[in-house]
N, C-alpha and C. Protein backbone atom coordinates (compact mmCIF):
# COMPACT_ATOMS: atom_id res chain seq x y z
N MET A 1 41.92 33.12 80.96
CA MET A 1 42.70 34.29 81.29
C MET A 1 42.57 34.55 82.80
N THR A 2 43.68 34.72 83.46
CA THR A 2 43.71 34.96 84.90
C THR A 2 43.52 36.44 85.19
N ASP A 3 42.72 36.74 86.21
CA ASP A 3 42.51 38.11 86.64
C ASP A 3 43.76 38.56 87.40
N PRO A 4 44.49 39.57 86.89
CA PRO A 4 45.72 40.00 87.55
C PRO A 4 45.49 40.48 88.98
N VAL A 5 44.33 41.03 89.28
CA VAL A 5 44.05 41.50 90.63
C VAL A 5 43.98 40.33 91.60
N GLU A 6 43.44 39.20 91.13
CA GLU A 6 43.35 38.03 91.99
C GLU A 6 44.72 37.43 92.28
N GLU A 7 45.72 37.75 91.47
CA GLU A 7 47.07 37.26 91.69
C GLU A 7 47.74 37.98 92.86
N ILE A 8 47.26 39.15 93.22
CA ILE A 8 47.80 39.90 94.35
C ILE A 8 47.30 39.26 95.63
N SER A 9 48.22 38.99 96.53
CA SER A 9 47.85 38.30 97.77
C SER A 9 47.34 39.29 98.81
N MET A 10 46.02 39.27 99.02
CA MET A 10 45.40 40.07 100.07
C MET A 10 44.01 39.53 100.31
N ASP A 11 43.48 39.86 101.47
CA ASP A 11 42.13 39.39 101.79
C ASP A 11 41.09 40.24 101.05
N ASP A 12 39.88 39.71 100.95
CA ASP A 12 38.81 40.38 100.20
C ASP A 12 38.48 41.75 100.77
N GLN A 13 38.45 41.88 102.08
CA GLN A 13 38.12 43.17 102.70
C GLN A 13 39.16 44.24 102.32
N THR A 14 40.44 43.89 102.38
CA THR A 14 41.50 44.83 102.02
C THR A 14 41.38 45.21 100.55
N ARG A 15 41.15 44.21 99.69
CA ARG A 15 40.99 44.49 98.25
C ARG A 15 39.82 45.44 98.02
N THR A 16 38.70 45.20 98.67
CA THR A 16 37.53 46.06 98.53
C THR A 16 37.84 47.48 98.98
N GLU A 17 38.53 47.63 100.09
CA GLU A 17 38.89 48.96 100.61
C GLU A 17 39.83 49.69 99.66
N ILE A 18 40.79 48.97 99.09
CA ILE A 18 41.72 49.58 98.14
C ILE A 18 40.99 49.99 96.87
N GLU A 19 40.12 49.11 96.36
CA GLU A 19 39.36 49.45 95.15
C GLU A 19 38.45 50.65 95.40
N ALA A 20 37.83 50.70 96.57
CA ALA A 20 36.96 51.83 96.89
C ALA A 20 37.77 53.12 96.97
N ALA A 21 38.94 53.06 97.56
CA ALA A 21 39.79 54.25 97.66
C ALA A 21 40.24 54.72 96.27
N ALA A 22 40.57 53.76 95.41
CA ALA A 22 40.96 54.12 94.04
C ALA A 22 39.80 54.77 93.30
N PHE A 23 38.59 54.24 93.47
CA PHE A 23 37.41 54.82 92.85
C PHE A 23 37.18 56.24 93.36
N ARG A 24 37.28 56.43 94.68
CA ARG A 24 37.10 57.78 95.25
C ARG A 24 38.15 58.73 94.71
N GLY A 25 39.38 58.25 94.52
CA GLY A 25 40.43 59.09 93.94
C GLY A 25 40.10 59.50 92.52
N LEU A 26 39.58 58.58 91.73
CA LEU A 26 39.18 58.89 90.35
C LEU A 26 38.06 59.92 90.35
N ILE A 27 37.06 59.73 91.19
CA ILE A 27 35.93 60.66 91.27
C ILE A 27 36.42 62.05 91.68
N GLU A 28 37.27 62.11 92.69
CA GLU A 28 37.81 63.40 93.15
C GLU A 28 38.57 64.10 92.02
N HIS A 29 39.37 63.33 91.30
CA HIS A 29 40.13 63.90 90.19
C HIS A 29 39.20 64.45 89.11
N LEU A 30 38.18 63.67 88.74
CA LEU A 30 37.25 64.12 87.70
C LEU A 30 36.43 65.32 88.16
N GLN A 31 36.14 65.41 89.46
CA GLN A 31 35.41 66.58 89.96
C GLN A 31 36.27 67.84 89.88
N LYS A 32 37.57 67.70 90.03
CA LYS A 32 38.48 68.84 89.91
C LYS A 32 38.71 69.22 88.45
N ARG A 33 38.72 68.21 87.57
CA ARG A 33 39.04 68.45 86.17
C ARG A 33 37.77 68.72 85.35
N THR A 34 37.09 69.80 85.72
CA THR A 34 35.87 70.16 85.00
C THR A 34 36.16 70.57 83.57
N ASP A 35 37.43 70.85 83.26
CA ASP A 35 37.81 71.19 81.89
C ASP A 35 37.81 69.95 80.99
N ALA A 36 37.92 68.78 81.59
CA ALA A 36 37.89 67.53 80.81
C ALA A 36 36.44 67.21 80.49
N GLN A 37 36.06 67.45 79.27
CA GLN A 37 34.69 67.26 78.85
C GLN A 37 34.37 65.77 78.71
N ASN A 38 33.15 65.40 79.06
CA ASN A 38 32.74 64.00 78.97
C ASN A 38 32.95 63.43 77.58
N ILE A 39 32.61 64.19 76.55
CA ILE A 39 32.73 63.65 75.19
C ILE A 39 34.19 63.36 74.85
N ASP A 40 35.12 64.19 75.35
CA ASP A 40 36.54 63.94 75.09
C ASP A 40 37.02 62.69 75.82
N ILE A 41 36.57 62.54 77.08
CA ILE A 41 36.94 61.35 77.85
C ILE A 41 36.35 60.11 77.17
N MET A 42 35.10 60.21 76.75
CA MET A 42 34.42 59.09 76.09
C MET A 42 35.13 58.73 74.79
N ASN A 43 35.48 59.73 74.00
CA ASN A 43 36.14 59.48 72.72
C ASN A 43 37.51 58.85 72.91
N LEU A 44 38.20 59.22 73.97
CA LEU A 44 39.54 58.69 74.21
C LEU A 44 39.52 57.35 74.94
N ALA A 45 38.70 57.26 75.99
CA ALA A 45 38.76 56.10 76.87
C ALA A 45 37.55 55.18 76.77
N GLY A 46 36.48 55.64 76.13
CA GLY A 46 35.31 54.79 75.98
C GLY A 46 34.37 54.79 77.18
N PHE A 47 34.63 55.65 78.15
CA PHE A 47 33.73 55.83 79.30
C PHE A 47 33.85 57.27 79.75
N CYS A 48 32.88 57.72 80.55
CA CYS A 48 32.92 59.09 81.07
C CYS A 48 32.25 59.12 82.44
N ARG A 49 32.03 60.30 82.94
CA ARG A 49 31.38 60.46 84.25
C ARG A 49 30.01 59.79 84.27
N ASN A 50 29.28 59.92 83.17
CA ASN A 50 27.94 59.31 83.12
C ASN A 50 28.03 57.78 83.24
N CYS A 51 29.02 57.18 82.60
CA CYS A 51 29.22 55.74 82.73
C CYS A 51 29.52 55.38 84.17
N LEU A 52 30.39 56.15 84.82
CA LEU A 52 30.71 55.89 86.22
C LEU A 52 29.46 55.95 87.08
N SER A 53 28.60 56.93 86.81
CA SER A 53 27.38 57.04 87.62
C SER A 53 26.46 55.85 87.37
N LYS A 54 26.42 55.35 86.14
CA LYS A 54 25.59 54.17 85.84
C LYS A 54 26.16 52.92 86.48
N TRP A 55 27.48 52.77 86.49
CA TRP A 55 28.11 51.64 87.18
C TRP A 55 27.83 51.73 88.68
N TYR A 56 27.91 52.94 89.21
CA TYR A 56 27.64 53.17 90.64
C TYR A 56 26.21 52.75 90.97
N LEU A 57 25.26 53.20 90.16
CA LEU A 57 23.86 52.86 90.37
C LEU A 57 23.63 51.36 90.25
N ALA A 58 24.21 50.74 89.23
CA ALA A 58 24.04 49.29 89.04
C ALA A 58 24.59 48.52 90.24
N ALA A 59 25.73 48.94 90.76
CA ALA A 59 26.31 48.27 91.93
C ALA A 59 25.43 48.47 93.16
N ALA A 60 24.89 49.67 93.31
CA ALA A 60 24.01 49.96 94.45
C ALA A 60 22.74 49.11 94.37
N GLU A 61 22.14 49.05 93.19
CA GLU A 61 20.92 48.26 93.01
C GLU A 61 21.18 46.78 93.27
N LYS A 62 22.32 46.29 92.81
CA LYS A 62 22.68 44.89 93.01
C LYS A 62 22.77 44.55 94.50
N ARG A 63 23.14 45.54 95.29
CA ARG A 63 23.28 45.33 96.73
C ARG A 63 22.04 45.76 97.50
N GLY A 64 20.98 46.14 96.79
CA GLY A 64 19.73 46.49 97.43
C GLY A 64 19.68 47.89 98.02
N ALA A 65 20.65 48.74 97.66
CA ALA A 65 20.65 50.11 98.16
C ALA A 65 19.55 50.90 97.46
N ASP A 66 18.89 51.75 98.20
CA ASP A 66 17.78 52.53 97.68
C ASP A 66 18.28 53.90 97.23
N ILE A 67 18.86 53.96 96.02
CA ILE A 67 19.30 55.23 95.47
C ILE A 67 18.70 55.41 94.09
N THR A 68 18.68 56.64 93.64
CA THR A 68 18.14 56.96 92.32
C THR A 68 19.28 57.26 91.36
N HIS A 69 18.93 57.36 90.10
CA HIS A 69 19.92 57.76 89.09
C HIS A 69 20.48 59.13 89.44
N ASP A 70 19.62 60.04 89.88
CA ASP A 70 20.10 61.38 90.28
C ASP A 70 21.09 61.30 91.43
N ASP A 71 20.84 60.40 92.41
CA ASP A 71 21.77 60.21 93.52
C ASP A 71 23.13 59.76 93.00
N ALA A 72 23.12 58.83 92.04
CA ALA A 72 24.38 58.32 91.47
C ALA A 72 25.12 59.42 90.72
N LEU A 73 24.38 60.25 90.00
CA LEU A 73 25.01 61.37 89.29
C LEU A 73 25.67 62.33 90.28
N ILE A 74 24.99 62.63 91.38
CA ILE A 74 25.55 63.52 92.40
C ILE A 74 26.80 62.91 93.01
N ALA A 75 26.79 61.60 93.24
CA ALA A 75 27.96 60.92 93.81
C ALA A 75 29.18 61.07 92.91
N VAL A 76 28.97 61.09 91.60
CA VAL A 76 30.09 61.19 90.66
C VAL A 76 30.43 62.64 90.36
N TYR A 77 29.44 63.47 90.09
CA TYR A 77 29.69 64.85 89.70
C TYR A 77 29.93 65.78 90.89
N GLY A 78 29.49 65.39 92.08
CA GLY A 78 29.65 66.24 93.25
C GLY A 78 28.58 67.32 93.33
N MET A 79 27.60 67.25 92.46
CA MET A 79 26.49 68.21 92.42
C MET A 79 25.45 67.64 91.47
N PRO A 80 24.24 68.20 91.47
CA PRO A 80 23.25 67.72 90.50
C PRO A 80 23.78 67.86 89.06
N TYR A 81 23.42 66.90 88.24
CA TYR A 81 23.93 66.84 86.87
C TYR A 81 23.61 68.11 86.08
N ASP A 82 22.38 68.60 86.18
CA ASP A 82 22.03 69.82 85.43
C ASP A 82 22.88 71.01 85.85
N GLU A 83 23.19 71.10 87.14
CA GLU A 83 24.05 72.18 87.63
C GLU A 83 25.45 72.05 87.02
N TRP A 84 25.99 70.83 87.01
CA TRP A 84 27.32 70.60 86.44
C TRP A 84 27.33 70.98 84.96
N LYS A 85 26.29 70.53 84.24
CA LYS A 85 26.21 70.85 82.80
C LYS A 85 26.19 72.35 82.59
N ASN A 86 25.39 73.07 83.35
CA ASN A 86 25.30 74.53 83.19
C ASN A 86 26.61 75.22 83.50
N LYS A 87 27.35 74.72 84.49
CA LYS A 87 28.61 75.36 84.89
C LYS A 87 29.79 74.97 84.01
N HIS A 88 29.82 73.70 83.53
CA HIS A 88 31.06 73.19 82.96
C HIS A 88 30.98 72.60 81.56
N GLN A 89 29.82 72.15 81.13
CA GLN A 89 29.75 71.47 79.85
C GLN A 89 29.70 72.46 78.70
N LYS A 90 30.54 72.20 77.71
CA LYS A 90 30.57 73.01 76.50
C LYS A 90 29.87 72.26 75.38
N GLU A 91 29.40 72.98 74.39
CA GLU A 91 28.77 72.35 73.23
C GLU A 91 29.83 71.53 72.49
N ALA A 92 29.49 70.31 72.15
CA ALA A 92 30.42 69.44 71.42
C ALA A 92 30.56 69.92 69.98
N SER A 93 31.78 69.86 69.48
CA SER A 93 32.03 70.26 68.10
C SER A 93 31.57 69.15 67.15
N THR A 94 31.49 69.49 65.89
CA THR A 94 31.13 68.51 64.87
C THR A 94 32.15 67.37 64.87
N GLU A 95 33.43 67.70 65.03
CA GLU A 95 34.48 66.68 65.05
C GLU A 95 34.32 65.75 66.26
N GLN A 96 34.02 66.32 67.42
CA GLN A 96 33.84 65.51 68.62
C GLN A 96 32.66 64.56 68.45
N LYS A 97 31.56 65.08 67.90
CA LYS A 97 30.38 64.25 67.68
C LYS A 97 30.66 63.13 66.69
N ALA A 98 31.41 63.43 65.63
CA ALA A 98 31.75 62.41 64.62
C ALA A 98 32.63 61.33 65.25
N LYS A 99 33.62 61.74 66.04
CA LYS A 99 34.49 60.76 66.70
C LYS A 99 33.69 59.91 67.67
N PHE A 100 32.74 60.52 68.37
CA PHE A 100 31.88 59.78 69.30
C PHE A 100 31.16 58.66 68.55
N GLN A 101 30.58 58.98 67.41
CA GLN A 101 29.86 57.98 66.61
C GLN A 101 30.81 56.89 66.11
N ASN A 102 32.00 57.29 65.69
CA ASN A 102 32.97 56.33 65.15
C ASN A 102 33.54 55.41 66.21
N THR A 103 33.57 55.85 67.46
CA THR A 103 34.15 55.03 68.53
C THR A 103 33.09 54.28 69.33
N LYS A 104 31.83 54.41 68.96
CA LYS A 104 30.73 53.77 69.71
C LYS A 104 30.96 52.28 70.01
N PRO A 105 31.47 51.51 69.07
CA PRO A 105 31.68 50.08 69.38
C PRO A 105 32.67 49.86 70.53
N LEU A 106 33.48 50.86 70.85
CA LEU A 106 34.47 50.74 71.92
C LEU A 106 33.98 51.30 73.24
N HIS A 107 32.78 51.89 73.27
CA HIS A 107 32.28 52.51 74.48
C HIS A 107 31.90 51.46 75.53
N ALA A 108 31.99 51.88 76.78
CA ALA A 108 31.71 51.00 77.92
C ALA A 108 30.30 50.43 77.82
N LYS A 109 30.18 49.20 78.24
CA LYS A 109 28.88 48.55 78.34
C LYS A 109 28.46 48.59 79.80
N ILE A 110 27.25 49.02 80.05
CA ILE A 110 26.74 49.13 81.41
C ILE A 110 25.67 48.08 81.59
N SER A 111 25.92 47.07 82.40
CA SER A 111 24.91 46.02 82.59
C SER A 111 23.69 46.56 83.30
N GLY A 112 22.55 46.19 82.79
CA GLY A 112 21.28 46.56 83.41
C GLY A 112 20.84 47.97 83.09
N HIS A 113 21.64 48.72 82.33
CA HIS A 113 21.26 50.11 82.03
C HIS A 113 21.51 50.42 80.58
């Protein structure tokens, strides 16, 4: 299977810059959409803000960057995780929790975490 991104003609530096800008756009959007609960995003798409922070941390560690899990959470949430939870996270309903369990096989896999 061919990677469709590799089919686009551009140099590696440009591709990296575009991918980084797209990631920053996603993070900015999720920071604004505090009404979008992680469990709902996870149930629908199989990943959430926490997955993004784990991918961020794994990429940083792979490159030898000295950051912590808390640093990665702040990079994604725009504030400490506990602060975000206190301000924006609602208690998950029984239905949300059941759907979470039922969709677990489809959830994102985070290498090394």
